[in-house]
Protein backbone atom coordinates (compact mmCIF):
# COMPACT_ATOMS: atom_id res chain seq x y z
CA MET A 1 -20.63 7.86 49.72
CA SER A 2 -17.36 6.03 49.00
CA LYS A 3 -17.94 3.58 51.86
CA ASN A 4 -20.90 2.16 49.95
CA LEU A 5 -19.01 1.60 46.71
CA PRO A 6 -18.19 -2.00 45.73
CA ASP A 7 -14.44 -1.26 45.56
CA LYS A 8 -14.16 -0.33 49.23
CA HIS A 9 -12.27 -3.57 49.99
CA ILE A 10 -9.43 -2.58 47.65
CA ILE A 11 -6.64 -0.77 49.51
CA GLY A 12 -3.03 0.34 49.25
CA THR A 13 -1.11 0.29 45.98
CA LEU A 14 -3.76 -1.79 44.26
CA LYS A 15 -6.33 0.91 45.06
CA GLN A 16 -4.13 3.50 43.36
CA LEU A 17 -3.74 1.33 40.25
CA SER A 18 -7.38 0.24 40.00
CA THR A 19 -9.96 1.88 37.80
CA PRO A 20 -12.47 3.69 40.05
CA TRP A 21 -15.79 1.86 40.19
CA LEU A 22 -17.85 4.68 38.68
CA ILE A 23 -15.43 4.99 35.75
CA ALA A 24 -15.49 1.21 35.19
CA LEU A 25 -19.29 1.27 35.36
CA GLU A 26 -19.58 4.13 32.85
CA ARG A 27 -17.45 2.21 30.38
CA ALA A 28 -19.48 -0.97 30.91
CA HIS A 29 -22.72 0.96 30.28
CA ARG A 30 -21.41 2.04 26.89
CA VAL A 31 -20.30 -1.50 26.00
CA LYS A 32 -23.78 -2.70 26.93
CA LYS A 33 -25.23 -0.56 24.13
CA MET A 34 -23.01 -2.21 21.53
CA ASN A 35 -23.74 -5.24 19.42
CA ILE A 36 -21.71 -8.08 20.88
CA ASP A 37 -22.66 -11.75 20.99
CA GLU A 38 -23.14 -13.88 24.06
CA GLY A 39 -20.04 -15.39 25.60
CA PHE A 40 -17.57 -15.01 28.42
CA ILE A 41 -15.69 -11.81 29.19
CA LEU A 42 -11.95 -12.34 29.54
CA ASP A 43 -9.57 -10.01 31.37
CA LEU A 44 -5.95 -10.99 30.69
CA ALA A 45 -4.51 -9.06 33.65
CA CYS A 46 -7.48 -8.40 35.90
CA GLY A 47 -5.75 -6.80 38.91
CA SER A 48 -8.46 -5.82 41.39
CA GLY A 49 -11.22 -7.22 39.16
CA ILE A 50 -13.21 -3.96 39.22
CA GLN A 51 -13.40 -3.42 35.45
CA LEU A 52 -14.06 -7.12 34.84
CA ALA A 53 -16.91 -7.15 37.38
CA ALA A 54 -18.39 -3.99 35.86
CA TYR A 55 -18.50 -5.58 32.40
CA SER A 56 -19.91 -8.84 33.71
CA SER A 57 -22.60 -7.25 35.87
CA GLN A 58 -23.83 -4.85 33.19
CA LEU A 59 -23.69 -7.29 30.27
CA ASN A 60 -25.07 -10.12 32.41
CA MET A 61 -22.35 -12.42 31.08
CA PRO A 62 -19.97 -14.64 33.06
CA CYS A 63 -16.32 -13.72 33.17
CA ILE A 64 -12.84 -15.12 33.57
CA GLY A 65 -9.94 -13.11 34.92
CA ILE A 66 -6.27 -14.04 34.74
CA GLU A 67 -3.93 -12.48 37.29
CA LEU A 68 -0.22 -13.17 37.77
CA ASP A 69 -0.04 -12.01 41.40
CA PRO A 70 -1.73 -14.52 43.80
CA GLU A 71 -2.66 -11.86 46.37
CA ARG A 72 -4.28 -9.68 43.73
CA ALA A 73 -6.10 -12.72 42.38
CA VAL A 74 -7.71 -13.18 45.81
CA VAL A 75 -8.81 -9.53 45.84
CA SER A 76 -10.22 -9.93 42.34
CA LYS A 77 -12.23 -12.98 43.38
CA ASN A 78 -13.61 -11.02 46.33
CA THR A 79 -14.61 -8.27 43.91
CA LEU A 80 -16.62 -10.71 41.78
CA ASP A 81 -18.25 -12.20 44.87
CA GLY A 82 -19.35 -8.78 46.05
CA ILE A 83 -20.72 -7.48 42.74
CA LEU A 84 -22.01 -10.34 40.56
CA ASN A 85 -25.31 -12.08 41.12
CA GLN A 86 -25.15 -15.69 42.23
CA ASP A 87 -25.89 -17.23 38.84
CA ILE A 88 -23.28 -15.23 36.92
CA ASN A 89 -20.72 -15.54 39.71
CA SER A 90 -21.08 -19.33 39.82
CA LYS A 91 -19.99 -19.48 36.16
CA SER A 92 -17.14 -16.99 36.62
CA LYS A 93 -13.66 -17.48 38.00
CA ILE A 94 -10.27 -15.92 38.60
CA ILE A 95 -7.21 -17.88 37.47
CA THR A 96 -3.78 -17.24 38.94
CA GLY A 97 -1.32 -17.42 36.09
CA ASN A 98 0.55 -15.70 33.28
CA CYS A 99 -1.65 -14.87 30.28
CA LEU A 100 1.43 -15.12 28.03
CA LYS A 101 1.66 -18.82 28.94
CA LYS A 102 -1.68 -19.86 27.58
CA ASP A 103 -0.91 -23.58 27.78
CA GLU A 104 -0.72 -23.26 31.56
CA ILE A 105 -4.14 -21.58 31.82
CA ASN A 106 -6.80 -24.17 32.58
CA LEU A 107 -9.85 -23.34 30.47
CA GLU A 108 -12.78 -25.51 29.55
CA ASN A 109 -12.91 -26.81 26.00
CA ASN A 110 -14.93 -24.88 23.41
CA ILE A 111 -15.32 -21.83 25.63
CA HIS A 112 -16.11 -18.65 23.68
CA PHE A 113 -15.30 -15.06 24.59
CA SER A 114 -17.32 -12.08 23.43
CA LEU A 115 -15.01 -9.47 24.93
CA ILE A 116 -11.33 -9.42 25.85
CA HIS A 117 -9.96 -6.68 28.08
CA LEU A 118 -6.31 -5.94 28.85
CA ASP A 119 -4.91 -3.22 31.08
CA PRO A 120 -1.16 -3.93 31.21
CA ALA A 121 1.00 -2.64 34.04
CA ARG A 122 3.46 0.16 33.36
CA PRO A 123 5.99 2.12 35.45
CA THR A 124 4.46 4.79 37.67
CA ASP A 125 7.55 6.87 38.35
CA ILE A 126 8.26 8.29 34.88
CA GLN A 127 6.63 10.96 32.71
CA ALA A 128 6.68 9.07 29.39
CA HIS A 129 5.87 5.46 28.55
CA THR A 130 6.67 3.07 25.73
CA ILE A 131 4.84 -0.01 24.52
CA SER A 132 7.82 -2.21 25.44
CA GLU A 133 7.45 -1.23 29.13
CA MET A 134 3.96 -2.68 29.39
CA GLU A 135 3.51 -5.99 31.21
CA PRO A 136 2.18 -8.12 29.68
CA ASN A 137 3.18 -6.81 26.28
CA PRO A 138 -0.18 -6.05 24.59
CA ILE A 139 0.88 -7.23 21.14
CA ASP A 140 2.21 -10.54 22.49
CA ALA A 141 -0.95 -11.06 24.57
CA LEU A 142 -3.34 -10.37 21.70
CA GLU A 143 -1.35 -12.56 19.31
CA ILE A 144 -1.87 -15.42 21.75
CA TRP A 145 -5.55 -14.85 22.59
CA LYS A 146 -7.10 -13.28 19.49
CA ASN A 147 -8.44 -16.56 18.12
CA GLU A 148 -10.49 -17.11 21.28
CA LEU A 149 -12.97 -14.43 20.27
CA ILE A 150 -16.21 -15.37 18.54
CA LYS A 151 -15.45 -15.12 14.84
CA ASN A 152 -15.98 -11.60 13.48
CA ARG A 153 -18.11 -10.63 16.47
CA GLY A 154 -15.74 -10.35 19.40
CA GLY A 155 -14.50 -7.09 20.88
CA ILE A 156 -11.22 -6.08 22.45
CA ILE A 157 -10.58 -3.16 24.80
CA LEU A 158 -6.91 -2.40 25.33
CA ASP A 159 -6.03 0.12 28.04
CA LEU A 160 -2.88 2.12 27.46
CA SER A 161 -0.96 4.89 29.14
CA PRO A 162 -1.97 8.47 28.28
CA ARG A 163 1.78 9.15 28.46
CA LEU A 164 2.39 7.34 25.18
CA SER A 165 3.80 9.62 22.50
CA LYS A 166 2.06 10.17 19.18
CA GLU A 167 4.77 8.06 17.53
CA GLN A 168 4.15 5.20 19.98
CA CYS A 169 0.40 5.38 19.30
CA ILE A 170 0.92 5.23 15.54
CA GLU A 171 3.29 2.27 15.95
CA LEU A 172 0.74 0.42 18.08
CA LYS A 173 -2.08 1.22 15.66
CA ASP A 174 -0.08 -0.35 12.82
CA GLU A 175 0.80 -3.40 14.92
CA LEU A 176 -2.85 -3.93 15.85
CA LYS A 177 -3.78 -3.66 12.18
CA ARG A 178 -1.17 -6.29 11.36
CA ILE A 179 -2.40 -8.89 13.85
CA LEU A 180 -6.10 -8.00 13.56
CA PRO A 181 -6.48 -6.81 9.95
CA ASP A 182 -10.28 -7.10 9.89
CA TYR A 183 -10.86 -5.30 13.18
CA LYS A 184 -11.93 -1.66 13.21
CA GLN A 185 -10.20 0.56 15.77
CA THR A 186 -11.56 3.39 17.88
CA TRP A 187 -9.03 5.28 20.00
CA GLU A 188 -10.45 6.78 23.17
CA TRP A 189 -9.14 9.49 25.47
CA SER A 190 -10.98 10.07 28.75
CA SER A 191 -10.77 12.52 31.61
CA GLN A 192 -12.30 12.96 35.04
CA GLY A 193 -12.04 16.70 34.70
CA ARG A 194 -8.82 17.56 36.52
CA GLY A 195 -7.29 19.15 33.46
CA ARG A 196 -5.54 16.04 32.16
CA VAL A 197 -6.23 12.88 30.18
CA ASP A 198 -6.58 10.07 32.71
CA ARG A 199 -6.96 7.13 30.32
CA LEU A 200 -6.11 6.16 26.78
CA SER A 201 -7.58 3.01 25.26
CA VAL A 202 -8.19 1.30 21.94
CA TRP A 203 -11.56 -0.35 21.25
CA LEU A 204 -11.44 -2.99 18.53
CA GLY A 205 -13.86 -5.17 16.62
CA SER A 206 -17.47 -5.17 17.78
CA VAL A 207 -16.85 -2.46 20.38
CA ALA A 208 -15.31 -0.03 17.86
CA GLY A 209 -17.53 2.71 16.48
CA GLU A 210 -18.92 2.15 13.00
CA ASN A 211 -17.50 5.40 11.62
CA THR A 212 -15.58 6.50 14.67
CA LYS A 213 -11.79 6.47 14.72
CA SER A 214 -11.38 8.57 17.86
CA ARG A 215 -13.41 9.54 20.90
CA TYR A 216 -13.09 11.84 23.90
CA VAL A 217 -15.05 11.04 27.06
CA ARG A 218 -15.38 13.53 29.88
CA ASN A 219 -16.67 11.42 32.75
CA HIS A 220 -19.36 12.96 34.91
CA PRO A 221 -18.36 12.65 38.59
CA LYS A 222 -21.73 11.28 39.70
CA GLU A 223 -24.24 10.69 36.88
CA LEU A 224 -23.14 8.26 34.17
CA GLN A 225 -25.70 9.40 31.62
CA LYS A 226 -24.34 12.94 31.77
CA SER A 227 -20.82 12.01 30.67
CA ILE A 228 -19.84 14.00 27.58
CA VAL A 229 -18.78 12.00 24.52
CA ILE A 230 -17.16 13.60 21.45
CA GLU A 231 -16.46 11.42 18.39
CA SER A 232 -14.56 11.91 15.15
CA GLU A 233 -14.02 10.05 11.90
CA GLN A 234 -10.33 10.97 12.05
CA LEU A 235 -7.50 10.24 14.44
CA PRO A 236 -5.88 13.30 16.02
CA TRP A 237 -2.59 12.75 14.23
CA GLU A 238 -4.40 12.60 10.88
CA ASN A 239 -5.45 16.23 11.28
CA GLU A 240 -3.07 18.88 10.06
CA THR A 241 -1.83 21.00 12.96
CA LEU A 242 -1.91 24.63 11.93
CA PRO A 243 -0.16 27.42 13.83
CA LEU A 244 -2.42 29.76 15.77
CA GLU A 245 -3.14 32.99 13.94
CA ASN A 246 -4.72 36.24 15.06
CA THR A 247 -4.21 35.63 18.77
CA ASN A 248 -4.90 39.27 19.60
CA VAL A 249 -8.25 39.97 21.24
CA GLU A 250 -10.38 43.06 21.66
CA VAL A 251 -12.76 44.38 24.28
CA GLY A 252 -16.26 43.12 23.56
CA GLU A 253 -15.22 39.72 22.22
CA THR A 254 -16.45 36.56 23.92
CA LEU A 255 -13.80 34.31 25.47
CA SER A 256 -14.09 30.77 26.80
CA ILE A 257 -11.72 28.67 28.90
CA VAL A 258 -11.94 25.12 27.52
CA ASP A 259 -11.17 21.74 29.10
CA PRO A 260 -7.41 21.17 28.51
CA ALA A 261 -7.87 17.38 28.33
CA LEU A 262 -10.02 17.90 25.23
CA ILE A 263 -7.05 19.62 23.59
CA SER A 264 -4.73 16.81 24.69
CA SER A 265 -7.03 14.29 23.01
CA GLY A 266 -6.81 16.24 19.74
CA LEU A 267 -10.60 16.30 19.33
CA GLU A 268 -11.23 20.01 19.84
CA ASN A 269 -12.22 20.55 16.21
CA ALA A 270 -14.71 17.66 16.34
CA TRP A 271 -16.17 19.26 19.48
CA LEU A 272 -16.53 22.63 17.78
CA ASN A 273 -18.09 21.02 14.70
CA SER A 274 -20.64 19.26 16.91
CA LYS A 275 -21.72 22.67 18.16
CA ASN A 276 -21.63 24.31 14.74
CA SER A 277 -19.49 27.00 16.32
CA GLU A 278 -17.17 29.48 14.67
CA GLY A 279 -14.26 31.31 16.22
CA ARG A 280 -10.55 31.02 16.75
CA TRP A 281 -8.16 29.54 19.26
CA ILE A 282 -5.75 32.00 20.82
CA ARG A 283 -4.13 29.43 23.11
CA LYS A 284 -4.19 25.63 23.09
CA SER A 285 -1.41 24.87 25.57
CA GLY A 286 -1.35 24.83 29.36
CA ARG A 287 -4.14 24.48 31.90
CA ARG A 288 -6.40 27.13 30.36
CA PRO A 289 -6.86 26.87 26.58
CA LEU A 290 -8.62 29.99 25.28
CA PHE A 291 -11.18 30.17 22.48
CA ILE A 292 -12.64 33.37 21.03
CA GLN A 293 -16.12 32.66 19.69
CA SER A 294 -18.27 34.49 17.22
CA LYS A 295 -21.38 33.31 19.04
CA LYS A 296 -22.02 31.75 22.42
CA LEU A 297 -21.07 28.09 22.65
CA ILE A 298 -23.99 25.90 23.68
CA GLU A 299 -23.33 24.33 27.06
CA ASP A 300 -23.04 20.52 27.14
CA GLY A 301 -25.31 20.24 30.12
CA GLU A 302 -26.58 22.18 33.09
CA ASN A 303 -23.66 22.83 35.45
CA TYR A 304 -21.49 20.41 33.48
CA SER A 305 -19.55 21.35 30.39
CA LEU A 306 -16.24 21.26 28.57
CA ILE A 307 -16.23 25.03 29.07
CA SER A 308 -15.07 26.03 32.53
CA GLU A 309 -15.74 29.75 32.04
CA SER A 310 -17.22 31.99 29.34
CA GLY A 311 -17.36 35.73 29.42
CA ILE A 312 -17.33 39.01 27.53
CA ILE A 313 -14.00 40.83 27.64
CA ARG A 314 -14.58 44.17 29.40
CA SER A 315 -11.02 45.38 29.81
CA ILE A 316 -7.48 44.47 28.75
CA ILE A 317 -4.56 45.76 30.80
CA GLU A 318 -0.81 45.40 31.05
CA HIS A 319 -0.15 44.26 34.60
CA ASN A 320 2.06 41.77 36.45
CA ILE A 321 -0.21 39.98 38.91
CA ASP A 322 2.72 39.48 41.27
CA HIS A 323 2.59 43.24 41.91
CA GLY A 324 -0.91 43.06 43.40
CA VAL A 325 -4.59 43.30 42.48
CA GLU A 326 -5.22 47.02 42.88
CA PRO A 327 -5.90 47.62 39.15
CA LEU A 328 -8.33 44.67 39.16
CA ILE A 329 -10.19 46.09 42.15
CA GLU A 330 -10.64 49.38 40.33
CA ILE A 331 -11.92 47.66 37.17
CA GLY A 332 -14.18 45.34 39.17
CA LYS A 333 -15.86 48.30 40.85
CA LYS A 334 -16.21 50.10 37.52
CA PHE A 335 -18.17 47.19 36.07
CA GLU A 336 -20.07 46.57 39.33
CA LEU A 337 -18.67 43.10 40.00
CA LYS A 338 -19.09 41.44 43.37
CA LYS A 339 -16.79 38.55 42.43
CA LEU A 340 -13.72 38.41 40.20
CA THR A 341 -11.94 35.06 40.09
CA LEU A 342 -8.27 34.83 39.15
CA ARG A 343 -7.92 32.23 36.37
CA LEU A 344 -4.22 32.56 35.65
CA LYS A 345 -0.92 31.11 36.74
CA ILE A 346 0.06 32.42 40.18
CA SER A 347 2.44 30.94 42.73
CA PRO A 348 0.54 28.79 45.29
CA GLU A 349 1.84 30.96 48.12
CA LEU A 350 0.57 34.17 46.56
CA GLN A 351 -2.73 33.11 44.99
CA PRO A 352 -4.96 32.84 48.12
CA ASN A 353 -3.75 36.19 49.44
CA LEU A 354 -4.40 37.97 46.15
CA GLN A 355 -7.82 36.36 45.70
CA SER A 356 -8.79 37.19 49.28
CA LYS A 357 -7.80 40.83 48.88
CA LEU A 358 -9.74 41.04 45.63
CA ASP A 359 -12.83 39.51 47.26
CA ARG A 360 -12.73 41.90 50.23
CA ASN A 361 -12.47 45.05 48.17
CA LEU A 362 -15.21 44.54 45.57
CA ILE A 363 -18.81 45.66 46.04
CA ASP A 364 -21.31 43.60 48.03
CA PHE A 365 -23.69 42.98 45.13
CA GLY A 366 -23.44 42.90 41.37
CA GLY A 367 -22.13 40.70 38.59
CA VAL A 368 -19.49 37.97 38.46
CA GLY A 369 -16.32 37.90 36.40
CA PHE A 370 -12.92 36.31 35.93
CA VAL A 371 -9.39 37.27 34.92
CA VAL A 372 -7.16 35.39 32.45
CA GLU A 373 -3.70 35.97 31.07
CA LEU A 374 -3.63 36.40 27.31
CA PRO A 375 -0.92 35.03 24.98
CA ASN A 376 0.65 38.52 24.87
CA ASN A 377 0.95 38.45 28.69
CA LYS A 378 -1.74 41.08 29.14
CA LEU A 379 -4.68 40.45 31.47
CA ALA A 380 -8.27 40.24 30.23
CA ILE A 381 -11.06 41.05 32.69
CA CYS A 382 -14.29 39.30 31.65
CA THR A 383 -17.86 39.29 32.91
CA LYS A 384 -19.43 35.84 32.93
CA ILE A 385 -22.26 34.91 30.59
């Protein structure tokens, strides 16, 4: 399928840095539903041009991209040529230049922008980022270009690194409020479902939610309309973080493994409120956050959910998985399980051997279950619901 995507001409390092086409398209679809005026779309550091082309094609508005690197500017122009219709493309252009040197950017007089997008570059070889590392500096860039937006109607989408600390986010929020005092802000965390937050962005002005300060988007891998969106009237750092209590569990309780990127976004309580669910968290860290629910959580969609597994706890044992799966085989047969998936931390060398042995020694027909490690290091054997 990838050979038919419009970003197939983007290769090498630029491919790694570019927003995947389906992700760019999903974002553009949501912008399309918002109330923004007619005008040009401006990308201050357009790179491959994929996100810019997605906005332009979905909003049916011409666009202008600015790119410092001449080779990337050529790729970006090819992107527009391959995606935009002839009329929109004829009004659009890519300019090679530095967006921080606005006087050197050749724009027509009285041009208006309805949306400004900026995805600044940042180092790829470190685990934590700071605002000062971003190129171009987002505050400097917005200071220079903010007056180009249609008065009180323009929108800004600022892509950031999900590796920014909470303190860095708060600092940037305050800086954005200083230079754009009348612009609402919606902070967005998004994930493609690999257990981590892939993108952090701030949506300002006409693209910010009316009563939405924060948002989590779990992108569907194929169908845009099935992406899961969770919104909140509070920012994650405005919520009081309480220590986990009552992390012990009992046989018969219902346990769910929840999307860890949701926890990283800080919107897990908004998610639970949207489902009118009651229960308690027994673990929020790591790859497998665990939630004990008083009633079954409603799935977000058929075969697509922020819950990776849900089950009723059938047995709790003290066992070191490195010593083998014999106790799990015995329990699996007792509860007539044909499949018991190991959902716990195991060394990569050991995991396939243990899972294979477990699969071979269970019955040929029956139910399906999974095994998780509890906060007290015991193992819980669950049957799926």
